[in-house]
């Protein structure tokens, strides 16, 4: 799965749900930190959405940083797992050994659980809702004034509140419409 891959929203939703369930099946619990080191690709988007859907906390690693900085970020964040692009296999050896192969997900041919195998084997069962106040991301600086420092991001800061009017799509994908939030939940806002 690379940047050239095309997915429908239904396929993306299915894969995100499977990745989220697969991560939880590895023994991760909501609130656990997951390091992510990938290139721009569909798997990066899937992983990002799946981590949030599972109630986990995404900790993106900048590929331009030194592996020593990655180790400090892993330690500081309390990382419990790693999802990485196999092109970084050599540079992530220390991170992987610290986490153990059971909690390492490899996109491509690399040590750890194969990403595509996890997607194939994981359940597509719906996930419970995530608390809007829960943490969904730790974003680290590049460390220009010393070591990288983390900034917390709760779910509520990622998904903005709904505007008074929202786009809706029918289940068959045949069309889009505009409706008020009140109309969508039964006309409680007084708009007819």
Protein backbone atom coordinates (compact mmCIF):
# COMPACT_ATOMS: atom_id res chain seq x y z
CA UNK A 1 0.00 0.00 0.00
CA UNK A 2 1.66 3.16 -1.16
CA UNK A 3 0.74 6.71 -2.06
CA UNK A 4 -0.59 5.53 -5.45
CA UNK A 5 -3.25 3.30 -3.89
CA UNK A 6 -6.87 4.39 -4.30
CA UNK A 7 -9.52 3.51 -1.71
CA UNK A 8 -13.20 4.28 -1.49
CA UNK A 9 -14.44 5.77 1.78
CA UNK A 10 -16.06 2.40 2.57
CA UNK A 11 -12.75 0.58 1.99
CA UNK A 12 -10.88 3.16 4.06
CA UNK A 13 -13.42 2.83 6.87
CA UNK A 14 -13.13 -0.96 6.83
CA UNK A 15 -9.33 -0.88 6.88
CA UNK A 16 -9.23 1.74 9.65
CA UNK A 17 -11.59 -0.37 11.78
CA UNK A 18 -9.51 -3.49 11.16
CA UNK A 19 -6.23 -1.73 12.00
CA UNK A 20 -7.78 -0.28 15.19
CA UNK A 21 -9.11 -3.69 16.26
CA UNK A 22 -5.78 -5.28 15.31
CA UNK A 23 -3.84 -2.83 17.47
CA UNK A 24 -6.14 -3.54 20.40
CA UNK A 25 -5.74 -7.29 19.76
CA UNK A 26 -1.97 -6.83 20.21
CA UNK A 27 -2.76 -6.02 23.84
CA UNK A 28 -2.79 -2.24 23.58
CA UNK A 29 -5.27 -0.36 25.76
CA UNK A 30 -6.91 3.03 25.17
CA UNK A 31 -4.44 5.72 26.22
CA UNK A 32 -1.37 3.69 25.20
CA UNK A 33 1.14 5.61 23.09
CA UNK A 34 1.92 4.35 19.59
CA UNK A 35 5.01 5.58 17.74
CA UNK A 36 4.44 6.12 14.02
CA UNK A 37 7.31 6.36 11.52
CA UNK A 38 6.01 6.18 7.97
CA UNK A 39 6.28 7.92 4.63
CA UNK A 40 3.30 9.60 2.97
CA UNK A 41 1.02 6.73 1.99
CA UNK A 42 -2.47 5.41 2.45
CA UNK A 43 -1.21 3.30 5.36
CA UNK A 44 -0.13 6.48 7.14
CA UNK A 45 -3.69 7.83 6.90
CA UNK A 46 -5.16 4.47 7.92
CA UNK A 47 -2.82 4.24 10.90
CA UNK A 48 -3.52 7.80 12.01
CA UNK A 49 -7.28 7.31 11.92
CA UNK A 50 -7.11 3.81 13.46
CA UNK A 51 -5.02 4.96 16.42
CA UNK A 52 -7.59 7.65 17.19
CA UNK A 53 -10.53 5.27 16.63
CA UNK A 54 -9.03 2.79 19.10
CA UNK A 55 -8.54 5.49 21.75
CA UNK A 56 -4.77 5.19 21.48
CA UNK A 57 -2.35 8.13 21.37
CA UNK A 58 -0.37 8.79 18.18
CA UNK A 59 3.25 9.87 18.59
CA UNK A 60 4.63 10.73 15.15
CA UNK A 61 8.36 10.34 14.69
CA UNK A 62 10.05 12.70 12.25
CA UNK A 63 12.27 10.67 9.93
CA UNK A 64 14.73 13.59 9.84
CA UNK A 65 15.52 13.22 13.55
CA UNK A 66 18.37 11.05 14.77
CA UNK A 67 17.40 7.61 16.13
CA UNK A 68 18.68 8.83 19.51
CA UNK A 69 15.95 11.49 19.45
CA UNK A 70 13.40 8.80 18.58
CA UNK A 71 14.55 6.85 21.64
CA UNK A 72 14.14 9.93 23.87
CA UNK A 73 10.65 10.52 22.44
CA UNK A 74 9.76 6.86 23.00
CA UNK A 75 10.95 7.07 26.61
CA UNK A 76 9.32 10.44 27.30
CA UNK A 77 5.97 9.40 25.81
CA UNK A 78 5.93 5.95 27.42
CA UNK A 79 5.51 4.33 24.01
CA UNK A 80 3.88 0.90 24.00
CA UNK A 81 4.04 0.13 20.26
CA UNK A 82 5.59 1.14 16.95
CA UNK A 83 4.16 1.28 13.42
CA UNK A 84 6.97 1.83 10.94
CA UNK A 85 7.74 1.76 7.23
CA UNK A 86 10.17 -1.09 6.52
CA UNK A 87 12.56 1.35 4.81
CA UNK A 88 13.42 2.47 8.37
CA UNK A 89 14.13 -1.08 9.60
CA UNK A 90 17.83 -0.51 10.25
CA UNK A 91 17.35 2.82 12.04
CA UNK A 92 14.53 1.46 14.26
CA UNK A 93 16.38 -1.64 15.48
CA UNK A 94 16.84 -0.28 19.02
CA UNK A 95 13.23 0.94 19.25
CA UNK A 96 11.93 -2.42 18.06
CA UNK A 97 14.05 -4.39 20.50
CA UNK A 98 12.79 -2.24 23.38
CA UNK A 99 9.15 -2.86 22.45
CA UNK A 100 9.33 -6.48 21.32
CA UNK A 101 8.09 -7.80 17.97
CA UNK A 102 4.58 -8.44 19.32
CA UNK A 103 3.98 -4.69 19.51
CA UNK A 104 5.79 -3.67 16.33
CA UNK A 105 3.83 -3.31 13.10
CA UNK A 106 5.86 -3.28 9.88
CA UNK A 107 4.51 -1.66 6.72
CA UNK A 108 6.33 -3.66 4.05
CA UNK A 109 9.00 -6.32 4.50
CA UNK A 110 10.45 -5.67 7.93
CA UNK A 111 10.75 -7.23 11.37
CA UNK A 112 7.54 -7.26 13.40
CA UNK A 113 3.91 -8.04 12.68
CA UNK A 114 3.13 -7.49 8.99
CA UNK A 115 0.69 -4.59 8.56
CA UNK A 116 -1.21 -6.23 5.69
CA UNK A 117 -1.53 -9.48 7.65
CA UNK A 118 -2.94 -7.58 10.63
CA UNK A 119 -5.50 -5.89 8.34
CA UNK A 120 -6.53 -9.27 6.86
CA UNK A 121 -6.87 -11.04 10.21
CA UNK A 122 -8.39 -8.31 12.38
CA UNK A 123 -12.10 -8.02 13.07
CA UNK A 124 -14.20 -5.39 11.34
CA UNK A 125 -16.47 -5.01 14.37
CA UNK A 126 -17.47 -1.45 15.30
CA UNK A 127 -15.46 0.30 17.99
CA UNK A 128 -16.93 2.11 20.99
CA UNK A 129 -16.93 5.92 20.83
CA UNK A 130 -13.84 7.74 22.05
CA UNK A 131 -14.19 10.35 24.80
CA UNK A 132 -13.76 13.82 23.27
CA UNK A 133 -11.54 14.88 26.18
CA UNK A 134 -9.15 11.95 25.81
CA UNK A 135 -5.65 12.44 24.50
CA UNK A 136 -5.19 11.43 20.85
CA UNK A 137 -1.76 12.78 20.01
CA UNK A 138 1.60 13.83 21.38
CA UNK A 139 3.45 16.12 19.00
CA UNK A 140 7.15 16.59 19.58
CA UNK A 141 9.24 19.59 18.59
CA UNK A 142 12.41 19.12 16.63
CA UNK A 143 14.44 19.87 19.72
CA UNK A 144 16.11 23.05 18.46
CA UNK A 145 16.57 24.28 22.06
CA UNK A 146 17.62 20.90 23.42
CA UNK A 147 15.78 17.59 23.38
CA UNK A 148 12.39 17.22 21.65
CA UNK A 149 9.46 18.26 23.84
CA UNK A 150 5.91 16.92 23.55
CA UNK A 151 2.68 18.89 23.20
CA UNK A 152 -0.59 17.11 24.02
CA UNK A 153 -3.59 17.15 21.68
CA UNK A 154 -7.02 15.99 22.87
CA UNK A 155 -9.58 14.54 20.45
CA UNK A 156 -11.78 17.65 20.81
CA UNK A 157 -8.99 19.75 19.22
CA UNK A 158 -8.76 17.45 16.19
CA UNK A 159 -12.45 17.23 15.33
CA UNK A 160 -13.98 20.72 15.42
CA UNK A 161 -17.55 21.21 16.63
CA UNK A 162 -20.20 20.71 13.95
CA UNK A 163 -21.32 23.88 12.19
CA UNK A 164 -25.04 24.69 12.17
CA UNK A 165 -25.27 23.22 8.67
CA UNK A 166 -23.49 20.02 7.68
CA UNK A 167 -23.09 18.02 4.49
CA UNK A 168 -24.79 14.65 4.46
CA UNK A 169 -24.45 11.76 2.05
CA UNK A 170 -26.95 9.02 1.46
CA UNK A 171 -25.83 5.45 2.15
CA UNK A 172 -25.76 4.55 -1.54
CA UNK A 173 -23.37 7.40 -2.27
CA UNK A 174 -25.76 8.75 -4.92
CA UNK A 175 -25.78 12.31 -3.69
CA UNK A 176 -24.96 14.98 -1.19
CA UNK A 177 -27.30 17.31 0.61
CA UNK A 178 -27.10 20.14 3.11
CA UNK A 179 -29.14 19.98 6.29
CA UNK A 180 -29.13 21.67 9.65
CA UNK A 181 -27.85 19.75 12.63
CA UNK A 182 -31.31 20.06 14.16
CA UNK A 183 -32.94 18.55 11.08
CA UNK A 184 -30.47 15.70 11.19
CA UNK A 185 -31.54 14.87 14.76
CA UNK A 186 -35.24 15.53 14.38
CA UNK A 187 -35.75 19.23 13.81
CA UNK A 188 -35.02 20.39 17.36
CA UNK A 189 -33.34 23.65 16.33
CA UNK A 190 -36.51 25.17 14.89
CA UNK A 191 -35.40 25.09 11.26
CA UNK A 192 -37.93 23.50 8.94
